């Protein structure tokens, strides 16, 4: 189970602190995706 899936399960179960963990994790993944995409762009 990925960290995102685990945290989403915790949110669904009513864990209020889980939402605070989700955004930084998603932001990190989005930065990686954007970096990889930009690396393939023409200057």
N, C-alpha and C. Protein backbone atom coordinates (compact mmCIF):
# COMPACT_ATOMS: atom_id res chain seq x y z
N UNK A 1 0.86 -1.18 0.00
CA UNK A 1 0.00 0.00 0.00
C UNK A 1 0.90 1.24 0.00
N UNK A 2 0.64 2.14 -0.93
CA UNK A 2 1.44 3.36 -0.99
C UNK A 2 1.10 4.28 0.18
N UNK A 3 2.00 5.21 0.42
CA UNK A 3 1.77 6.17 1.51
C UNK A 3 0.50 6.98 1.27
N UNK A 4 0.28 7.37 0.02
CA UNK A 4 -0.91 8.17 -0.30
C UNK A 4 -2.17 7.36 -0.01
N UNK A 5 -2.18 6.10 -0.42
CA UNK A 5 -3.35 5.24 -0.18
C UNK A 5 -3.58 5.05 1.31
N UNK A 6 -2.50 4.85 2.06
CA UNK A 6 -2.61 4.68 3.51
C UNK A 6 -3.20 5.93 4.16
N UNK A 7 -2.70 7.09 3.75
CA UNK A 7 -3.18 8.34 4.33
C UNK A 7 -4.64 8.59 3.95
N UNK A 8 -5.01 8.29 2.71
CA UNK A 8 -6.41 8.44 2.31
C UNK A 8 -7.32 7.53 3.13
N UNK A 9 -6.85 6.34 3.43
CA UNK A 9 -7.63 5.43 4.28
C UNK A 9 -7.78 6.00 5.68
N UNK A 10 -6.72 6.61 6.19
CA UNK A 10 -6.79 7.22 7.52
C UNK A 10 -7.77 8.40 7.53
N UNK A 11 -7.76 9.18 6.46
CA UNK A 11 -8.69 10.31 6.36
C UNK A 11 -10.12 9.79 6.34
N UNK A 12 -10.35 8.74 5.55
CA UNK A 12 -11.68 8.15 5.46
C UNK A 12 -12.15 7.61 6.81
N UNK A 13 -11.19 7.14 7.62
CA UNK A 13 -11.52 6.61 8.95
C UNK A 13 -11.73 7.71 9.98
N UNK A 14 -11.47 8.96 9.59
CA UNK A 14 -11.72 10.07 10.49
C UNK A 14 -10.51 10.61 11.21
N UNK A 15 -9.31 10.23 10.79
CA UNK A 15 -8.08 10.72 11.42
C UNK A 15 -7.83 12.16 10.97
N UNK A 16 -7.98 13.13 11.86
CA UNK A 16 -7.83 14.54 11.46
C UNK A 16 -6.39 14.92 11.11
N UNK A 17 -5.41 14.24 11.65
CA UNK A 17 -4.02 14.60 11.37
C UNK A 17 -3.54 14.04 10.04
N UNK A 18 -4.26 13.10 9.47
CA UNK A 18 -3.84 12.48 8.21
C UNK A 18 -3.85 13.48 7.06
N UNK A 19 -4.79 14.39 7.05
CA UNK A 19 -4.87 15.37 5.97
C UNK A 19 -3.63 16.25 5.93
N UNK A 20 -3.08 16.53 7.09
CA UNK A 20 -1.86 17.35 7.16
C UNK A 20 -0.66 16.62 6.56
N UNK A 21 -0.69 15.31 6.56
CA UNK A 21 0.40 14.51 5.99
C UNK A 21 0.26 14.38 4.48
N UNK A 22 -0.95 14.49 3.98
CA UNK A 22 -1.21 14.22 2.57
C UNK A 22 -0.64 15.29 1.64
N UNK A 23 -0.87 16.54 1.94
CA UNK A 23 -0.45 17.61 1.03
C UNK A 23 1.05 17.64 0.77
N UNK A 24 1.90 17.57 1.78
CA UNK A 24 3.34 17.56 1.49
C UNK A 24 3.76 16.37 0.64
N UNK A 25 3.13 15.24 0.85
CA UNK A 25 3.46 14.04 0.09
C UNK A 25 3.06 14.22 -1.38
N UNK A 26 1.86 14.74 -1.61
CA UNK A 26 1.41 14.98 -2.98
C UNK A 26 2.25 16.05 -3.65
N UNK A 27 2.60 17.09 -2.92
CA UNK A 27 3.41 18.16 -3.48
C UNK A 27 4.76 17.63 -3.93
N UNK A 28 5.37 16.76 -3.13
CA UNK A 28 6.66 16.18 -3.49
C UNK A 28 6.54 15.37 -4.78
N UNK A 29 5.49 14.57 -4.90
CA UNK A 29 5.29 13.79 -6.12
C UNK A 29 5.05 14.68 -7.33
N UNK A 30 4.28 15.74 -7.15
CA UNK A 30 4.02 16.66 -8.26
C UNK A 30 5.29 17.37 -8.71
N UNK A 31 6.14 17.73 -7.76
CA UNK A 31 7.42 18.37 -8.12
C UNK A 31 8.28 17.43 -8.95
N UNK A 32 8.32 16.16 -8.57
CA UNK A 32 9.10 15.18 -9.32
C UNK A 32 8.56 15.02 -10.74
N UNK A 33 7.24 14.93 -10.85
CA UNK A 33 6.63 14.80 -12.17
C UNK A 33 6.90 16.03 -13.04
N UNK A 34 6.78 17.20 -12.45
CA UNK A 34 7.02 18.43 -13.19
C UNK A 34 8.48 18.53 -13.62
N UNK A 35 9.40 18.16 -12.74
CA UNK A 35 10.82 18.19 -13.07
C UNK A 35 11.15 17.27 -14.22
N UNK A 36 10.59 16.08 -14.21
CA UNK A 36 10.83 15.13 -15.29
C UNK A 36 10.24 15.65 -16.60
N UNK A 37 9.09 16.25 -16.52
CA UNK A 37 8.44 16.79 -17.73
C UNK A 37 9.24 17.97 -18.29
N UNK A 38 9.70 18.85 -17.42
CA UNK A 38 10.46 20.01 -17.86
C UNK A 38 11.82 19.61 -18.42
N UNK A 39 12.38 18.53 -17.95
CA UNK A 39 13.68 18.06 -18.44
C UNK A 39 13.60 17.65 -19.91
N UNK A 40 12.40 17.32 -20.37
CA UNK A 40 12.23 16.90 -21.76
C UNK A 40 11.75 18.03 -22.67
N UNK A 41 11.57 19.21 -22.12
CA UNK A 41 11.12 20.36 -22.91
C UNK A 41 12.29 20.96 -23.69
N UNK A 42 11.96 21.54 -24.81
CA UNK A 42 12.97 22.26 -25.58
C UNK A 42 13.24 23.60 -24.92
N UNK A 43 14.49 24.04 -24.99
CA UNK A 43 14.80 25.37 -24.41
C UNK A 43 14.20 26.51 -25.21
